[in-house]
Amino acid sequence: MTAYEIIRKPLITEKTELLRRNNNKYTFEVNRKANKIEIKKAVEEIFNVKVASVATINIKPVTKRHGMKLYKTQATKKAIVELASGTISYFKEV
């Protein structure tokens, strides 16, 4: 897997922004088959930063209802990456 296949997208919510500001931790949605070592190497390669630690969370599918139909959401994996040095900017500045 390449680095761009491992890191799918950044997760930007109020809670993740508080983690980013206070603790220098960034949250990403990652490939379910990726492990912590692969995630660390991918973040370091893409963003040119030094990673201190990686925590992963597997999110199980949830059954939901839309009218009479039941469906399940997709299972995903989330990674919380703490940086030792440097910062990550999600958007390009114009």
C-alpha atoms as a PDB file:
ATOM      1  CA  MET A   1       0.000   0.000   0.000  1.00  0.00           C
ATOM      2  CA  THR A   2       1.160   3.509  -0.749  1.00  0.00           C
ATOM      3  CA  ALA A   3       1.002   6.331   1.772  1.00  0.00           C
ATOM      4  CA  TYR A   4      -2.014   7.840   0.015  1.00  0.00           C
ATOM      5  CA  GLU A   5      -3.895   4.509   0.167  1.00  0.00           C
ATOM      6  CA  ILE A   6      -3.249   4.259   3.918  1.00  0.00           C
ATOM      7  CA  ILE A   7      -4.330   7.810   4.851  1.00  0.00           C
ATOM      8  CA  ARG A   8      -7.817   8.356   3.418  1.00  0.00           C
ATOM      9  CA  LYS A   9      -8.823  11.759   4.804  1.00  0.00           C
ATOM     10  CA  PRO A  10      -8.432  14.002   7.851  1.00  0.00           C
ATOM     11  CA  LEU A  11     -11.334  14.041  10.308  1.00  0.00           C
ATOM     12  CA  ILE A  12     -12.188  17.625  11.221  1.00  0.00           C
ATOM     13  CA  THR A  13     -14.695  18.065  14.054  1.00  0.00           C
ATOM     14  CA  GLU A  14     -14.880  20.241  17.141  1.00  0.00           C
ATOM     15  CA  LYS A  15     -13.364  17.506  19.283  1.00  0.00           C
ATOM     16  CA  THR A  16     -10.469  16.824  16.895  1.00  0.00           C
ATOM     17  CA  GLU A  17      -9.746  20.553  16.623  1.00  0.00           C
ATOM     18  CA  LEU A  18      -9.445  20.750  20.428  1.00  0.00           C
ATOM     19  CA  LEU A  19      -7.020  17.794  20.334  1.00  0.00           C
ATOM     20  CA  ARG A  20      -5.022  19.526  17.601  1.00  0.00           C
ATOM     21  CA  ARG A  21      -4.776  22.855  19.424  1.00  0.00           C
ATOM     22  CA  ASN A  22      -4.115  21.584  22.945  1.00  0.00           C
ATOM     23  CA  ASN A  23      -2.130  18.353  22.424  1.00  0.00           C
ATOM     24  CA  ASN A  24      -0.721  18.551  18.867  1.00  0.00           C
ATOM     25  CA  LYS A  25      -2.743  15.430  17.917  1.00  0.00           C
ATOM     26  CA  TYR A  26      -4.269  14.969  14.462  1.00  0.00           C
ATOM     27  CA  THR A  27      -7.064  12.558  13.508  1.00  0.00           C
ATOM     28  CA  PHE A  28      -7.309  10.676  10.201  1.00  0.00           C
ATOM     29  CA  GLU A  29      -9.548   8.050   8.646  1.00  0.00           C
ATOM     30  CA  VAL A  30      -7.207   5.264   7.551  1.00  0.00           C
ATOM     31  CA  ASN A  31      -7.334   1.971   5.673  1.00  0.00           C
ATOM     32  CA  ARG A  32      -8.718  -0.821   7.874  1.00  0.00           C
ATOM     33  CA  LYS A  33      -5.797  -3.128   7.025  1.00  0.00           C
ATOM     34  CA  ALA A  34      -3.091  -0.608   7.987  1.00  0.00           C
ATOM     35  CA  ASN A  35      -1.218  -1.018  11.266  1.00  0.00           C
ATOM     36  CA  LYS A  36       0.340   1.650  13.504  1.00  0.00           C
ATOM     37  CA  ILE A  37       3.797   1.394  11.945  1.00  0.00           C
ATOM     38  CA  GLU A  38       2.439   1.851   8.406  1.00  0.00           C
ATOM     39  CA  ILE A  39       0.290   4.794   9.536  1.00  0.00           C
ATOM     40  CA  LYS A  40       3.298   6.455  11.196  1.00  0.00           C
ATOM     41  CA  LYS A  41       5.449   6.081   8.059  1.00  0.00           C
ATOM     42  CA  ALA A  42       2.636   7.357   5.810  1.00  0.00           C
ATOM     43  CA  VAL A  43       2.034  10.505   7.896  1.00  0.00           C
ATOM     44  CA  GLU A  44       5.764  11.229   8.068  1.00  0.00           C
ATOM     45  CA  GLU A  45       6.096  10.754   4.292  1.00  0.00           C
ATOM     46  CA  ILE A  46       3.067  12.831   3.253  1.00  0.00           C
ATOM     47  CA  PHE A  47       3.356  15.759   5.691  1.00  0.00           C
ATOM     48  CA  ASN A  48       7.149  15.817   6.414  1.00  0.00           C
ATOM     49  CA  VAL A  49       6.744  15.758  10.203  1.00  0.00           C
ATOM     50  CA  LYS A  50       8.062  13.606  13.061  1.00  0.00           C
ATOM     51  CA  VAL A  51       5.431  11.349  14.697  1.00  0.00           C
ATOM     52  CA  ALA A  52       5.681  10.580  18.431  1.00  0.00           C
ATOM     53  CA  SER A  53       2.814   8.071  18.784  1.00  0.00           C
ATOM     54  CA  VAL A  54      -0.189   6.574  16.981  1.00  0.00           C
ATOM     55  CA  ALA A  55      -3.464   5.366  18.524  1.00  0.00           C
ATOM     56  CA  THR A  56      -5.989   3.469  16.399  1.00  0.00           C
ATOM     57  CA  ILE A  57      -9.716   2.925  16.853  1.00  0.00           C
ATOM     58  CA  ASN A  58     -11.836   0.396  14.947  1.00  0.00           C
ATOM     59  CA  ILE A  59     -15.385   1.647  14.413  1.00  0.00           C
ATOM     60  CA  LYS A  60     -17.965  -1.113  14.035  1.00  0.00           C
ATOM     61  CA  PRO A  61     -20.866  -0.846  11.585  1.00  0.00           C
ATOM     62  CA  VAL A  62     -24.110   0.525  13.034  1.00  0.00           C
ATOM     63  CA  THR A  63     -27.601  -0.586  11.977  1.00  0.00           C
ATOM     64  CA  LYS A  64     -29.734   2.372  10.923  1.00  0.00           C
ATOM     65  CA  ARG A  65     -33.247   2.790   9.601  1.00  0.00           C
ATOM     66  CA  HIS A  66     -34.560   4.858   6.701  1.00  0.00           C
ATOM     67  CA  GLY A  67     -38.332   4.392   6.677  1.00  0.00           C
ATOM     68  CA  MET A  68     -38.959   0.650   6.556  1.00  0.00           C
ATOM     69  CA  LYS A  69     -35.489  -0.215   5.264  1.00  0.00           C
ATOM     70  CA  LEU A  70     -32.655  -1.241   7.549  1.00  0.00           C
ATOM     71  CA  TYR A  71     -29.052  -0.794   6.516  1.00  0.00           C
ATOM     72  CA  LYS A  72     -25.603  -0.925   8.076  1.00  0.00           C
ATOM     73  CA  THR A  73     -22.984   1.785   7.934  1.00  0.00           C
ATOM     74  CA  GLN A  74     -19.497   0.885   6.788  1.00  0.00           C
ATOM     75  CA  ALA A  75     -16.856  -0.249   9.262  1.00  0.00           C
ATOM     76  CA  THR A  76     -13.966   2.238   9.420  1.00  0.00           C
ATOM     77  CA  LYS A  77     -10.691   2.779  11.226  1.00  0.00           C
ATOM     78  CA  LYS A  78      -9.562   6.019  12.833  1.00  0.00           C
ATOM     79  CA  ALA A  79      -6.001   6.994  13.785  1.00  0.00           C
ATOM     80  CA  ILE A  80      -5.007   9.686  16.275  1.00  0.00           C
ATOM     81  CA  VAL A  81      -1.438  10.790  15.538  1.00  0.00           C
ATOM     82  CA  GLU A  82       0.620  12.766  18.060  1.00  0.00           C
ATOM     83  CA  LEU A  83       3.429  14.793  16.522  1.00  0.00           C
ATOM     84  CA  ALA A  84       6.839  15.180  18.130  1.00  0.00           C
ATOM     85  CA  SER A  85       7.740  18.165  15.970  1.00  0.00           C
ATOM     86  CA  GLY A  86       6.116  20.200  13.230  1.00  0.00           C
ATOM     87  CA  THR A  87       2.502  20.937  12.325  1.00  0.00           C
ATOM     88  CA  ILE A  88       0.122  19.808   9.603  1.00  0.00           C
ATOM     89  CA  SER A  89      -1.948  22.228   7.559  1.00  0.00           C
ATOM     90  CA  TYR A  90      -5.004  20.561   6.030  1.00  0.00           C
ATOM     91  CA  PHE A  91      -5.778  23.271   3.483  1.00  0.00           C
ATOM     92  CA  LYS A  92      -3.531  25.208   1.150  1.00  0.00           C
ATOM     93  CA  GLU A  93      -3.302  28.897   1.868  1.00  0.00           C
ATOM     94  CA  VAL A  94      -3.990  31.139  -1.091  1.00  0.00           C
END
